[in-house]
C-alpha cells in the first residue's frame, strides 16, 4: 500500500453498549484510532422510505492492516471529513497488508456538529 495514496484521516469508532442510570442499554461509539486512508466514493442513491426521500453515498476506504483494528465490523462506524459513515463491510487486502472498509452515509449530512 503506497503511503501517497493514504491522503485522508479516518477515525475508526467502536460500538459500545452501556447501561444508563435506569439499567437500560444505551448504544454509544468511542474513538478506536485515527489512521491514514485512501477514499473512493463508489455510488450515490436516493431512497424513498416512509414518504421521505433520503440520499445516501457509499464509500470505500483502504487503510493499513493492524491487529488493533483488524476486528472492525458492521456494528462499528468511521468518520472522515466531518461525515459519519456506518460500516457496511470489511475485508482484508492481501495477507495482512491492508483493510478495505465499505461504508455508507447520508449524502445530506455534511457536518457532525449540526
PDB file of N, CA and C in Angstrom:
ATOM      1  N   UNK A   1       0.848  -1.170   0.000  1.00  0.00           N
ATOM      2  CA  UNK A   1       0.000   0.000   0.000  1.00  0.00           C
ATOM      3  C   UNK A   1       0.897   1.237   0.000  1.00  0.00           C
ATOM      4  N   UNK A   2       0.741   2.067  -1.013  1.00  0.00           N
ATOM      5  CA  UNK A   2       1.583   3.256  -1.136  1.00  0.00           C
ATOM      6  C   UNK A   2       1.139   4.329  -0.158  1.00  0.00           C
ATOM      7  N   UNK A   3       2.090   4.924   0.533  1.00  0.00           N
ATOM      8  CA  UNK A   3       1.790   5.956   1.525  1.00  0.00           C
ATOM      9  C   UNK A   3       1.145   7.180   0.884  1.00  0.00           C
ATOM     10  N   UNK A   4       1.523   7.524  -0.335  1.00  0.00           N
ATOM     11  CA  UNK A   4       0.975   8.699  -1.009  1.00  0.00           C
ATOM     12  C   UNK A   4      -0.515   8.584  -1.291  1.00  0.00           C
ATOM     13  N   UNK A   5      -1.015   7.365  -1.428  1.00  0.00           N
ATOM     14  CA  UNK A   5      -2.436   7.155  -1.688  1.00  0.00           C
ATOM     15  C   UNK A   5      -3.277   7.346  -0.424  1.00  0.00           C
ATOM     16  N   UNK A   6      -2.657   7.270   0.735  1.00  0.00           N
ATOM     17  CA  UNK A   6      -3.364   7.402   2.005  1.00  0.00           C
ATOM     18  C   UNK A   6      -3.423   8.874   2.384  1.00  0.00           C
ATOM     19  N   UNK A   7      -4.294   9.614   1.696  1.00  0.00           N
ATOM     20  CA  UNK A   7      -4.309  11.070   1.821  1.00  0.00           C
ATOM     21  C   UNK A   7      -5.442  11.626   2.679  1.00  0.00           C
ATOM     22  N   UNK A   8      -6.145  10.782   3.405  1.00  0.00           N
ATOM     23  CA  UNK A   8      -7.242  11.219   4.275  1.00  0.00           C
ATOM     24  C   UNK A   8      -7.010  10.726   5.692  1.00  0.00           C
ATOM     25  N   UNK A   9      -7.613  11.427   6.647  1.00  0.00           N
ATOM     26  CA  UNK A   9      -7.626  10.949   8.025  1.00  0.00           C
ATOM     27  C   UNK A   9      -8.978  10.303   8.289  1.00  0.00           C
ATOM     28  N   UNK A  10      -8.955   9.092   8.796  1.00  0.00           N
ATOM     29  CA  UNK A  10     -10.159   8.324   9.059  1.00  0.00           C
ATOM     30  C   UNK A  10     -10.165   7.949  10.534  1.00  0.00           C
ATOM     31  N   UNK A  11     -11.246   8.263  11.218  1.00  0.00           N
ATOM     32  CA  UNK A  11     -11.374   7.883  12.625  1.00  0.00           C
ATOM     33  C   UNK A  11     -12.241   6.640  12.706  1.00  0.00           C
ATOM     34  N   UNK A  12     -11.695   5.592  13.282  1.00  0.00           N
ATOM     35  CA  UNK A  12     -12.417   4.340  13.489  1.00  0.00           C
ATOM     36  C   UNK A  12     -13.133   4.446  14.828  1.00  0.00           C
ATOM     37  N   UNK A  13     -14.425   4.130  14.851  1.00  0.00           N
ATOM     38  CA  UNK A  13     -15.222   4.280  16.070  1.00  0.00           C
ATOM     39  C   UNK A  13     -15.845   2.938  16.442  1.00  0.00           C
ATOM     40  N   UNK A  14     -15.604   2.496  17.646  1.00  0.00           N
ATOM     41  CA  UNK A  14     -16.071   1.195  18.132  1.00  0.00           C
ATOM     42  C   UNK A  14     -17.416   1.323  18.832  1.00  0.00           C
ATOM     43  N   UNK A  15     -18.352   0.456  18.491  1.00  0.00           N
ATOM     44  CA  UNK A  15     -19.667   0.425  19.133  1.00  0.00           C
ATOM     45  C   UNK A  15     -19.525  -0.100  20.548  1.00  0.00           C
ATOM     46  N   UNK A  16     -20.149   0.607  21.475  1.00  0.00           N
ATOM     47  CA  UNK A  16     -20.134   0.209  22.887  1.00  0.00           C
ATOM     48  C   UNK A  16     -21.577   0.220  23.383  1.00  0.00           C
ATOM     49  N   UNK A  17     -21.931  -0.736  24.199  1.00  0.00           N
ATOM     50  CA  UNK A  17     -23.250  -0.764  24.813  1.00  0.00           C
ATOM     51  C   UNK A  17     -23.036  -0.657  26.311  1.00  0.00           C
ATOM     52  N   UNK A  18     -23.658   0.372  26.888  1.00  0.00           N
ATOM     53  CA  UNK A  18     -23.504   0.623  28.319  1.00  0.00           C
ATOM     54  C   UNK A  18     -24.871   0.750  28.955  1.00  0.00           C
ATOM     55  N   UNK A  19     -24.937   0.506  30.235  1.00  0.00           N
ATOM     56  CA  UNK A  19     -26.185   0.669  30.978  1.00  0.00           C
ATOM     57  C   UNK A  19     -26.274   2.100  31.491  1.00  0.00           C
ATOM     58  N   UNK A  20     -27.458   2.693  31.350  1.00  0.00           N
ATOM     59  CA  UNK A  20     -27.654   4.041  31.896  1.00  0.00           C
ATOM     60  C   UNK A  20     -28.086   3.943  33.360  1.00  0.00           C
ATOM     61  N   UNK A  21     -28.469   5.063  33.947  1.00  0.00           N
ATOM     62  CA  UNK A  21     -28.830   5.107  35.366  1.00  0.00           C
ATOM     63  C   UNK A  21     -30.034   4.216  35.691  1.00  0.00           C
ATOM     64  N   UNK A  22     -30.879   3.968  34.705  1.00  0.00           N
ATOM     65  CA  UNK A  22     -32.053   3.120  34.918  1.00  0.00           C
ATOM     66  C   UNK A  22     -31.792   1.657  34.586  1.00  0.00           C
ATOM     67  N   UNK A  23     -30.573   1.351  34.179  1.00  0.00           N
ATOM     68  CA  UNK A  23     -30.209  -0.017  33.838  1.00  0.00           C
ATOM     69  C   UNK A  23     -30.539  -0.402  32.410  1.00  0.00           C
ATOM     70  N   UNK A  24     -30.994   0.548  31.598  1.00  0.00           N
ATOM     71  CA  UNK A  24     -31.306   0.275  30.205  1.00  0.00           C
ATOM     72  C   UNK A  24     -30.046   0.399  29.357  1.00  0.00           C
ATOM     73  N   UNK A  25     -29.962  -0.436  28.321  1.00  0.00           N
ATOM     74  CA  UNK A  25     -28.795  -0.407  27.455  1.00  0.00           C
ATOM     75  C   UNK A  25     -28.832   0.806  26.532  1.00  0.00           C
ATOM     76  N   UNK A  26     -27.689   1.488  26.437  1.00  0.00           N
ATOM     77  CA  UNK A  26     -27.554   2.661  25.581  1.00  0.00           C
ATOM     78  C   UNK A  26     -26.361   2.426  24.656  1.00  0.00           C
ATOM     79  N   UNK A  27     -26.573   2.623  23.357  1.00  0.00           N
ATOM     80  CA  UNK A  27     -25.506   2.442  22.373  1.00  0.00           C
ATOM     81  C   UNK A  27     -24.713   3.736  22.224  1.00  0.00           C
ATOM     82  N   UNK A  28     -23.397   3.639  22.340  1.00  0.00           N
ATOM     83  CA  UNK A  28     -22.514   4.776  22.125  1.00  0.00           C
ATOM     84  C   UNK A  28     -21.359   4.321  21.237  1.00  0.00           C
ATOM     85  N   UNK A  29     -20.576   5.286  20.776  1.00  0.00           N
ATOM     86  CA  UNK A  29     -19.414   4.974  19.952  1.00  0.00           C
ATOM     87  C   UNK A  29     -18.203   5.691  20.516  1.00  0.00           C
ATOM     88  N   UNK A  30     -17.111   4.945  20.692  1.00  0.00           N
ATOM     89  CA  UNK A  30     -15.866   5.506  21.218  1.00  0.00           C
ATOM     90  C   UNK A  30     -14.804   5.445  20.129  1.00  0.00           C
ATOM     91  N   UNK A  31     -13.977   6.492  20.053  1.00  0.00           N
ATOM     92  CA  UNK A  31     -12.895   6.505  19.070  1.00  0.00           C
ATOM     93  C   UNK A  31     -11.907   5.392  19.369  1.00  0.00           C
ATOM     94  N   UNK A  32     -11.624   4.585  18.366  1.00  0.00           N
ATOM     95  CA  UNK A  32     -10.671   3.487  18.483  1.00  0.00           C
ATOM     96  C   UNK A  32      -9.289   3.935  18.028  1.00  0.00           C
ATOM     97  N   UNK A  33      -9.233   4.639  16.884  1.00  0.00           N
ATOM     98  CA  UNK A  33      -7.956   5.108  16.333  1.00  0.00           C
ATOM     99  C   UNK A  33      -8.234   6.084  15.204  1.00  0.00           C
ATOM    100  N   UNK A  34      -7.255   6.932  14.917  1.00  0.00           N
ATOM    101  CA  UNK A  34      -7.284   7.789  13.739  1.00  0.00           C
ATOM    102  C   UNK A  34      -6.124   7.353  12.858  1.00  0.00           C
ATOM    103  N   UNK A  35      -6.446   6.990  11.611  1.00  0.00           N
ATOM    104  CA  UNK A  35      -5.458   6.402  10.708  1.00  0.00           C
ATOM    105  C   UNK A  35      -5.481   7.115   9.363  1.00  0.00           C
ATOM    106  N   UNK A  36      -4.423   6.923   8.584  1.00  0.00           N
ATOM    107  CA  UNK A  36      -4.363   7.438   7.209  1.00  0.00           C
ATOM    108  C   UNK A  36      -5.136   6.460   6.316  1.00  0.00           C
ATOM    109  N   UNK A  37      -5.874   7.002   5.339  1.00  0.00           N
ATOM    110  CA  UNK A  37      -6.700   6.160   4.480  1.00  0.00           C
ATOM    111  C   UNK A  37      -6.789   6.745   3.073  1.00  0.00           C
ATOM    112  N   UNK A  38      -7.101   5.878   2.120  1.00  0.00           N
ATOM    113  CA  UNK A  38      -7.500   6.346   0.799  1.00  0.00           C
ATOM    114  C   UNK A  38      -9.029   6.288   0.772  1.00  0.00           C
ATOM    115  N   UNK A  39      -9.638   7.153  -0.035  1.00  0.00           N
ATOM    116  CA  UNK A  39     -11.096   7.249  -0.065  1.00  0.00           C
ATOM    117  C   UNK A  39     -11.566   7.273  -1.505  1.00  0.00           C
ATOM    118  N   UNK A  40     -12.542   6.413  -1.822  1.00  0.00           N
ATOM    119  CA  UNK A  40     -13.138   6.374  -3.142  1.00  0.00           C
ATOM    120  C   UNK A  40     -14.651   6.283  -2.985  1.00  0.00           C
ATOM    121  N   UNK A  41     -15.377   7.294  -3.487  1.00  0.00           N
ATOM    122  CA  UNK A  41     -16.838   7.229  -3.489  1.00  0.00           C
ATOM    123  C   UNK A  41     -17.242   6.285  -4.601  1.00  0.00           C
ATOM    124  N   UNK A  42     -18.072   5.282  -4.263  1.00  0.00           N
ATOM    125  CA  UNK A  42     -18.409   4.273  -5.271  1.00  0.00           C
ATOM    126  C   UNK A  42     -19.843   4.368  -5.772  1.00  0.00           C
ATOM    127  N   UNK A  43     -20.737   4.982  -5.008  1.00  0.00           N
ATOM    128  CA  UNK A  43     -22.094   5.168  -5.517  1.00  0.00           C
ATOM    129  C   UNK A  43     -22.843   6.179  -4.671  1.00  0.00           C
ATOM    130  N   UNK A  44     -23.880   6.735  -5.283  1.00  0.00           N
ATOM    131  CA  UNK A  44     -24.802   7.572  -4.540  1.00  0.00           C
ATOM    132  C   UNK A  44     -26.203   7.207  -5.008  1.00  0.00           C
ATOM    133  N   UNK A  45     -27.149   7.313  -4.123  1.00  0.00           N
ATOM    134  CA  UNK A  45     -28.501   6.898  -4.460  1.00  0.00           C
ATOM    135  C   UNK A  45     -29.510   7.658  -3.625  1.00  0.00           C
ATOM    136  N   UNK A  46     -30.703   7.750  -4.160  1.00  0.00           N
ATOM    137  CA  UNK A  46     -31.810   8.296  -3.401  1.00  0.00           C
ATOM    138  C   UNK A  46     -32.752   7.156  -3.070  1.00  0.00           C
ATOM    139  N   UNK A  47     -33.240   7.139  -1.841  1.00  0.00           N
ATOM    140  CA  UNK A  47     -34.170   6.104  -1.416  1.00  0.00           C
ATOM    141  C   UNK A  47     -35.408   6.767  -0.839  1.00  0.00           C
ATOM    142  N   UNK A  48     -36.539   6.154  -1.088  1.00  0.00           N
ATOM    143  CA  UNK A  48     -37.790   6.650  -0.531  1.00  0.00           C
ATOM    144  C   UNK A  48     -38.254   5.667   0.531  1.00  0.00           C
ATOM    145  N   UNK A  49     -38.369   6.156   1.759  1.00  0.00           N
ATOM    146  CA  UNK A  49     -38.838   5.341   2.875  1.00  0.00           C
ATOM    147  C   UNK A  49     -39.821   6.158   3.682  1.00  0.00           C
ATOM    148  N   UNK A  50     -40.932   5.560   4.001  1.00  0.00           N
ATOM    149  CA  UNK A  50     -41.946   6.194   4.841  1.00  0.00           C
ATOM    150  C   UNK A  50     -42.251   7.615   4.382  1.00  0.00           C
ATOM    151  N   UNK A  51     -42.452   7.780   3.091  1.00  0.00           N
ATOM    152  CA  UNK A  51     -42.795   9.055   2.469  1.00  0.00           C
ATOM    153  C   UNK A  51     -41.726  10.125   2.657  1.00  0.00           C
ATOM    154  N   UNK A  52     -40.479   9.725   2.868  1.00  0.00           N
ATOM    155  CA  UNK A  52     -39.366  10.654   2.972  1.00  0.00           C
ATOM    156  C   UNK A  52     -38.293  10.245   1.977  1.00  0.00           C
ATOM    157  N   UNK A  53     -37.689  11.222   1.342  1.00  0.00           N
ATOM    158  CA  UNK A  53     -36.608  10.949   0.399  1.00  0.00           C
ATOM    159  C   UNK A  53     -35.288  11.180   1.117  1.00  0.00           C
ATOM    160  N   UNK A  54     -34.386  10.226   1.006  1.00  0.00           N
ATOM    161  CA  UNK A  54     -33.077  10.361   1.627  1.00  0.00           C
ATOM    162  C   UNK A  54     -31.992   9.972   0.645  1.00  0.00           C
ATOM    163  N   UNK A  55     -30.944  10.748   0.595  1.00  0.00           N
ATOM    164  CA  UNK A  55     -29.828  10.447  -0.305  1.00  0.00           C
ATOM    165  C   UNK A  55     -28.719   9.781   0.498  1.00  0.00           C
ATOM    166  N   UNK A  56     -28.097   8.765  -0.097  1.00  0.00           N
ATOM    167  CA  UNK A  56     -27.046   8.021   0.583  1.00  0.00           C
ATOM    168  C   UNK A  56     -25.843   7.906  -0.337  1.00  0.00           C
ATOM    169  N   UNK A  57     -24.667   7.974   0.242  1.00  0.00           N
ATOM    170  CA  UNK A  57     -23.439   7.822  -0.521  1.00  0.00           C
ATOM    171  C   UNK A  57     -22.662   6.632   0.056  1.00  0.00           C
ATOM    172  N   UNK A  58     -22.165   5.782  -0.832  1.00  0.00           N
ATOM    173  CA  UNK A  58     -21.372   4.626  -0.421  1.00  0.00           C
ATOM    174  C   UNK A  58     -19.915   4.894  -0.786  1.00  0.00           C
ATOM    175  N   UNK A  59     -19.041   4.662   0.166  1.00  0.00           N
ATOM    176  CA  UNK A  59     -17.622   4.990   0.019  1.00  0.00           C
ATOM    177  C   UNK A  59     -16.771   3.795   0.411  1.00  0.00           C
ATOM    178  N   UNK A  60     -15.638   3.658  -0.279  1.00  0.00           N
ATOM    179  CA  UNK A  60     -14.683   2.604   0.056  1.00  0.00           C
ATOM    180  C   UNK A  60     -13.410   3.251   0.584  1.00  0.00           C
ATOM    181  N   UNK A  61     -12.997   2.839   1.773  1.00  0.00           N
ATOM    182  CA  UNK A  61     -11.759   3.309   2.386  1.00  0.00           C
ATOM    183  C   UNK A  61     -10.767   2.149   2.420  1.00  0.00           C
ATOM    184  N   UNK A  62      -9.493   2.470   2.249  1.00  0.00           N
ATOM    185  CA  UNK A  62      -8.444   1.473   2.431  1.00  0.00           C
ATOM    186  C   UNK A  62      -7.455   2.010   3.455  1.00  0.00           C
ATOM    187  N   UNK A  63      -7.120   1.161   4.432  1.00  0.00           N
ATOM    188  CA  UNK A  63      -6.180   1.524   5.496  1.00  0.00           C
ATOM    189  C   UNK A  63      -5.169   0.396   5.649  1.00  0.00           C
ATOM    190  N   UNK A  64      -4.075   0.696   6.330  1.00  0.00           N
ATOM    191  CA  UNK A  64      -3.087  -0.340   6.623  1.00  0.00           C
ATOM    192  C   UNK A  64      -3.639  -1.304   7.672  1.00  0.00           C
ATOM    193  N   UNK A  65      -3.256  -2.565   7.555  1.00  0.00           N
ATOM    194  CA  UNK A  65      -3.714  -3.579   8.488  1.00  0.00           C
ATOM    195  C   UNK A  65      -3.012  -3.404   9.833  1.00  0.00           C
ATOM    196  N   UNK A  66      -3.732  -3.608  10.913  1.00  0.00           N
ATOM    197  CA  UNK A  66      -3.160  -3.634  12.253  1.00  0.00           C
ATOM    198  C   UNK A  66      -4.008  -4.543  13.123  1.00  0.00           C
ATOM    199  N   UNK A  67      -3.376  -5.239  14.020  1.00  0.00           N
ATOM    200  CA  UNK A  67      -4.102  -6.103  14.944  1.00  0.00           C
ATOM    201  C   UNK A  67      -5.048  -5.275  15.826  1.00  0.00           C
ATOM    202  N   UNK A  68      -4.750  -3.993  16.003  1.00  0.00           N
ATOM    203  CA  UNK A  68      -5.574  -3.126  16.853  1.00  0.00           C
ATOM    204  C   UNK A  68      -6.962  -2.880  16.285  1.00  0.00           C
ATOM    205  N   UNK A  69      -7.122  -2.949  14.967  1.00  0.00           N
ATOM    206  CA  UNK A  69      -8.436  -2.726  14.367  1.00  0.00           C
ATOM    207  C   UNK A  69      -8.788  -3.769  13.311  1.00  0.00           C
ATOM    208  N   UNK A  70      -8.126  -4.903  13.336  1.00  0.00           N
ATOM    209  CA  UNK A  70      -8.419  -5.956  12.354  1.00  0.00           C
ATOM    210  C   UNK A  70      -9.803  -6.575  12.574  1.00  0.00           C
ATOM    211  N   UNK A  71     -10.403  -6.354  13.732  1.00  0.00           N
ATOM    212  CA  UNK A  71     -11.728  -6.896  14.023  1.00  0.00           C
ATOM    213  C   UNK A  71     -12.857  -5.889  13.775  1.00  0.00           C
ATOM    214  N   UNK A  72     -12.568  -4.823  13.034  1.00  0.00           N
ATOM    215  CA  UNK A  72     -13.597  -3.850  12.672  1.00  0.00           C
ATOM    216  C   UNK A  72     -14.742  -4.585  11.983  1.00  0.00           C
ATOM    217  N   UNK A  73     -15.992  -4.196  12.268  1.00  0.00           N
ATOM    218  CA  UNK A  73     -17.131  -4.920  11.717  1.00  0.00           C
ATOM    219  C   UNK A  73     -18.311  -3.980  11.476  1.00  0.00           C
ATOM    220  N   UNK A  74     -19.399  -4.469  10.864  1.00  0.00           N
ATOM    221  CA  UNK A  74     -20.532  -3.605  10.535  1.00  0.00           C
ATOM    222  C   UNK A  74     -21.257  -2.976  11.725  1.00  0.00           C
ATOM    223  N   UNK A  75     -20.924  -3.330  12.931  1.00  0.00           N
ATOM    224  CA  UNK A  75     -21.509  -2.652  14.095  1.00  0.00           C
ATOM    225  C   UNK A  75     -20.776  -1.345  14.399  1.00  0.00           C
ATOM    226  N   UNK A  76     -19.589  -1.182  13.821  1.00  0.00           N
ATOM    227  CA  UNK A  76     -18.760  -0.008  14.074  1.00  0.00           C
ATOM    228  C   UNK A  76     -19.060   1.101  13.073  1.00  0.00           C
ATOM    229  N   UNK A  77     -18.435   2.253  13.281  1.00  0.00           N
ATOM    230  CA  UNK A  77     -18.590   3.399  12.385  1.00  0.00           C
ATOM    231  C   UNK A  77     -17.228   4.011  12.109  1.00  0.00           C
ATOM    232  N   UNK A  78     -17.172   4.842  11.072  1.00  0.00           N
ATOM    233  CA  UNK A  78     -15.962   5.602  10.764  1.00  0.00           C
ATOM    234  C   UNK A  78     -16.375   7.038  10.450  1.00  0.00           C
ATOM    235  N   UNK A  79     -15.462   7.971  10.688  1.00  0.00           N
ATOM    236  CA  UNK A  79     -15.710   9.363  10.309  1.00  0.00           C
ATOM    237  C   UNK A  79     -14.554   9.846   9.443  1.00  0.00           C
ATOM    238  N   UNK A  80     -14.911  10.660   8.447  1.00  0.00           N
ATOM    239  CA  UNK A  80     -13.934  11.247   7.545  1.00  0.00           C
ATOM    240  C   UNK A  80     -14.510  12.555   7.030  1.00  0.00           C
ATOM    241  N   UNK A  81     -13.724  13.598   7.056  1.00  0.00           N
ATOM    242  CA  UNK A  81     -14.146  14.907   6.551  1.00  0.00           C
ATOM    243  C   UNK A  81     -15.474  15.357   7.162  1.00  0.00           C
ATOM    244  N   UNK A  82     -15.605  15.198   8.466  1.00  0.00           N
ATOM    245  CA  UNK A  82     -16.787  15.617   9.232  1.00  0.00           C
ATOM    246  C   UNK A  82     -18.068  14.872   8.859  1.00  0.00           C
ATOM    247  N   UNK A  83     -17.952  13.718   8.234  1.00  0.00           N
ATOM    248  CA  UNK A  83     -19.122  12.902   7.893  1.00  0.00           C
ATOM    249  C   UNK A  83     -18.981  11.546   8.579  1.00  0.00           C
ATOM    250  N   UNK A  84     -20.063  11.099   9.194  1.00  0.00           N
ATOM    251  CA  UNK A  84     -20.043   9.800   9.863  1.00  0.00           C
ATOM    252  C   UNK A  84     -20.653   8.743   8.952  1.00  0.00           C
ATOM    253  N   UNK A  85     -19.943   7.625   8.817  1.00  0.00           N
ATOM    254  CA  UNK A  85     -20.350   6.522   7.958  1.00  0.00           C
ATOM    255  C   UNK A  85     -20.646   5.295   8.804  1.00  0.00           C
ATOM    256  N   UNK A  86     -21.653   4.546   8.408  1.00  0.00           N
ATOM    257  CA  UNK A  86     -21.914   3.240   9.010  1.00  0.00           C
ATOM    258  C   UNK A  86     -21.140   2.211   8.198  1.00  0.00           C
ATOM    259  N   UNK A  87     -20.416   1.354   8.864  1.00  0.00           N
ATOM    260  CA  UNK A  87     -19.636   0.321   8.182  1.00  0.00           C
ATOM    261  C   UNK A  87     -20.590  -0.723   7.620  1.00  0.00           C
ATOM    262  N   UNK A  88     -20.448  -0.998   6.327  1.00  0.00           N
ATOM    263  CA  UNK A  88     -21.290  -1.978   5.649  1.00  0.00           C
ATOM    264  C   UNK A  88     -20.549  -3.301   5.504  1.00  0.00           C
ATOM    265  N   UNK A  89     -19.251  -3.225   5.199  1.00  0.00           N
ATOM    266  CA  UNK A  89     -18.458  -4.433   5.020  1.00  0.00           C
ATOM    267  C   UNK A  89     -16.983  -4.157   5.243  1.00  0.00           C
ATOM    268  N   UNK A  90     -16.268  -5.205   5.640  1.00  0.00           N
ATOM    269  CA  UNK A  90     -14.829  -5.102   5.904  1.00  0.00           C
ATOM    270  C   UNK A  90     -14.160  -6.347   5.336  1.00  0.00           C
ATOM    271  N   UNK A  91     -13.059  -6.146   4.584  1.00  0.00           N
ATOM    272  CA  UNK A  91     -12.308  -7.309   4.117  1.00  0.00           C
ATOM    273  C   UNK A  91     -10.816  -7.012   4.117  1.00  0.00           C
ATOM    274  N   UNK A  92     -10.047  -8.066   4.261  1.00  0.00           N
ATOM    275  CA  UNK A  92      -8.594  -7.955   4.302  1.00  0.00           C
ATOM    276  C   UNK A  92      -8.045  -7.834   2.887  1.00  0.00           C
ATOM    277  N   UNK A  93      -7.045  -6.972   2.714  1.00  0.00           N
ATOM    278  CA  UNK A  93      -6.355  -6.819   1.441  1.00  0.00           C
ATOM    279  C   UNK A  93      -5.046  -7.596   1.543  1.00  0.00           C
ATOM    280  N   UNK A  94      -4.838  -8.519   0.623  1.00  0.00           N
ATOM    281  CA  UNK A  94      -3.609  -9.306   0.660  1.00  0.00           C
ATOM    282  C   UNK A  94      -3.515 -10.116   1.943  1.00  0.00           C
ATOM    283  N   UNK A  95      -2.298 -10.375   2.343  1.00  0.00           N
ATOM    284  CA  UNK A  95      -2.084 -11.109   3.592  1.00  0.00           C
ATOM    285  C   UNK A  95      -1.635 -10.109   4.643  1.00  0.00           C
ATOM    286  N   UNK A  96      -2.631  -9.518   5.330  1.00  0.00           N
ATOM    287  CA  UNK A  96      -2.395  -8.524   6.370  1.00  0.00           C
ATOM    288  C   UNK A  96      -1.667  -7.283   5.847  1.00  0.00           C
ATOM    289  N   UNK A  97      -1.929  -6.955   4.589  1.00  0.00           N
ATOM    290  CA  UNK A  97      -1.349  -5.743   4.017  1.00  0.00           C
ATOM    291  C   UNK A  97      -2.223  -4.535   4.323  1.00  0.00           C
ATOM    292  N   UNK A  98      -3.523  -4.720   4.209  1.00  0.00           N
ATOM    293  CA  UNK A  98      -4.442  -3.616   4.443  1.00  0.00           C
ATOM    294  C   UNK A  98      -5.840  -4.112   4.731  1.00  0.00           C
ATOM    295  N   UNK A  99      -6.737  -3.169   4.989  1.00  0.00           N
ATOM    296  CA  UNK A  99      -8.144  -3.459   5.235  1.00  0.00           C
ATOM    297  C   UNK A  99      -8.959  -2.540   4.343  1.00  0.00           C
ATOM    298  N   UNK A 100      -9.944  -3.117   3.668  1.00  0.00           N
ATOM    299  CA  UNK A 100     -10.864  -2.338   2.845  1.00  0.00           C
ATOM    300  C   UNK A 100     -12.193  -2.242   3.580  1.00  0.00           C
ATOM    301  N   UNK A 101     -12.657  -1.008   3.770  1.00  0.00           N
ATOM    302  CA  UNK A 101     -13.894  -0.751   4.507  1.00  0.00           C
ATOM    303  C   UNK A 101     -14.898  -0.142   3.531  1.00  0.00           C
ATOM    304  N   UNK A 102     -16.037  -0.774   3.388  1.00  0.00           N
ATOM    305  CA  UNK A 102     -17.131  -0.202   2.619  1.00  0.00           C
ATOM    306  C   UNK A 102     -18.108   0.389   3.625  1.00  0.00           C
ATOM    307  N   UNK A 103     -18.462   1.667   3.419  1.00  0.00           N
ATOM    308  CA  UNK A 103     -19.294   2.363   4.396  1.00  0.00           C
ATOM    309  C   UNK A 103     -20.321   3.243   3.692  1.00  0.00           C
ATOM    310  N   UNK A 104     -21.416   3.513   4.375  1.00  0.00           N
ATOM    311  CA  UNK A 104     -22.488   4.336   3.810  1.00  0.00           C
ATOM    312  C   UNK A 104     -22.827   5.479   4.750  1.00  0.00           C
ATOM    313  N   UNK A 105     -23.160   6.624   4.164  1.00  0.00           N
ATOM    314  CA  UNK A 105     -23.540   7.806   4.946  1.00  0.00           C
ATOM    315  C   UNK A 105     -24.651   8.542   4.222  1.00  0.00           C
ATOM    316  N   UNK A 106     -25.388   9.316   4.973  1.00  0.00           N
ATOM    317  CA  UNK A 106     -26.390  10.181   4.361  1.00  0.00           C
ATOM    318  C   UNK A 106     -25.659  11.269   3.580  1.00  0.00           C
ATOM    319  N   UNK A 107     -26.053  11.487   2.342  1.00  0.00           N
ATOM    320  CA  UNK A 107     -25.393  12.463   1.497  1.00  0.00           C
ATOM    321  C   UNK A 107     -25.663  13.894   1.945  1.00  0.00           C
ATOM    322  N   UNK A 108     -26.789  14.129   2.610  1.00  0.00           N
ATOM    323  CA  UNK A 108     -27.104  15.485   3.055  1.00  0.00           C
ATOM    324  C   UNK A 108     -26.492  15.808   4.410  1.00  0.00           C
ATOM    325  N   UNK A 109     -25.802  14.850   4.999  1.00  0.00           N
ATOM    326  CA  UNK A 109     -25.103  15.084   6.261  1.00  0.00           C
ATOM    327  C   UNK A 109     -23.708  15.597   5.926  1.00  0.00           C
ATOM    328  N   UNK A 110     -23.439  16.851   6.172  1.00  0.00           N
ATOM    329  CA  UNK A 110     -22.139  17.386   5.816  1.00  0.00           C
ATOM    330  C   UNK A 110     -21.344  17.874   7.013  1.00  0.00           C
ATOM    331  N   UNK A 111     -21.883  17.712   8.193  1.00  0.00           N
ATOM    332  CA  UNK A 111     -21.167  18.168   9.373  1.00  0.00           C
ATOM    333  C   UNK A 111     -21.634  17.386  10.580  1.00  0.00           C
ATOM    334  N   UNK A 112     -20.707  16.820  11.323  1.00  0.00           N
ATOM    335  CA  UNK A 112     -21.053  16.055  12.513  1.00  0.00           C
ATOM    336  C   UNK A 112     -21.637  16.929  13.621  1.00  0.00           C
ATOM    337  N   UNK A 113     -21.423  18.219  13.543  1.00  0.00           N
ATOM    338  CA  UNK A 113     -21.776  19.083  14.646  1.00  0.00           C
ATOM    339  C   UNK A 113     -23.068  19.852  14.438  1.00  0.00           C
ATOM    340  N   UNK A 114     -23.877  19.452  13.451  1.00  0.00           N
ATOM    341  CA  UNK A 114     -25.148  20.137  13.235  1.00  0.00           C
ATOM    342  C   UNK A 114     -26.298  19.302  13.714  1.00  0.00           C
TER     343      UNK A 114
END
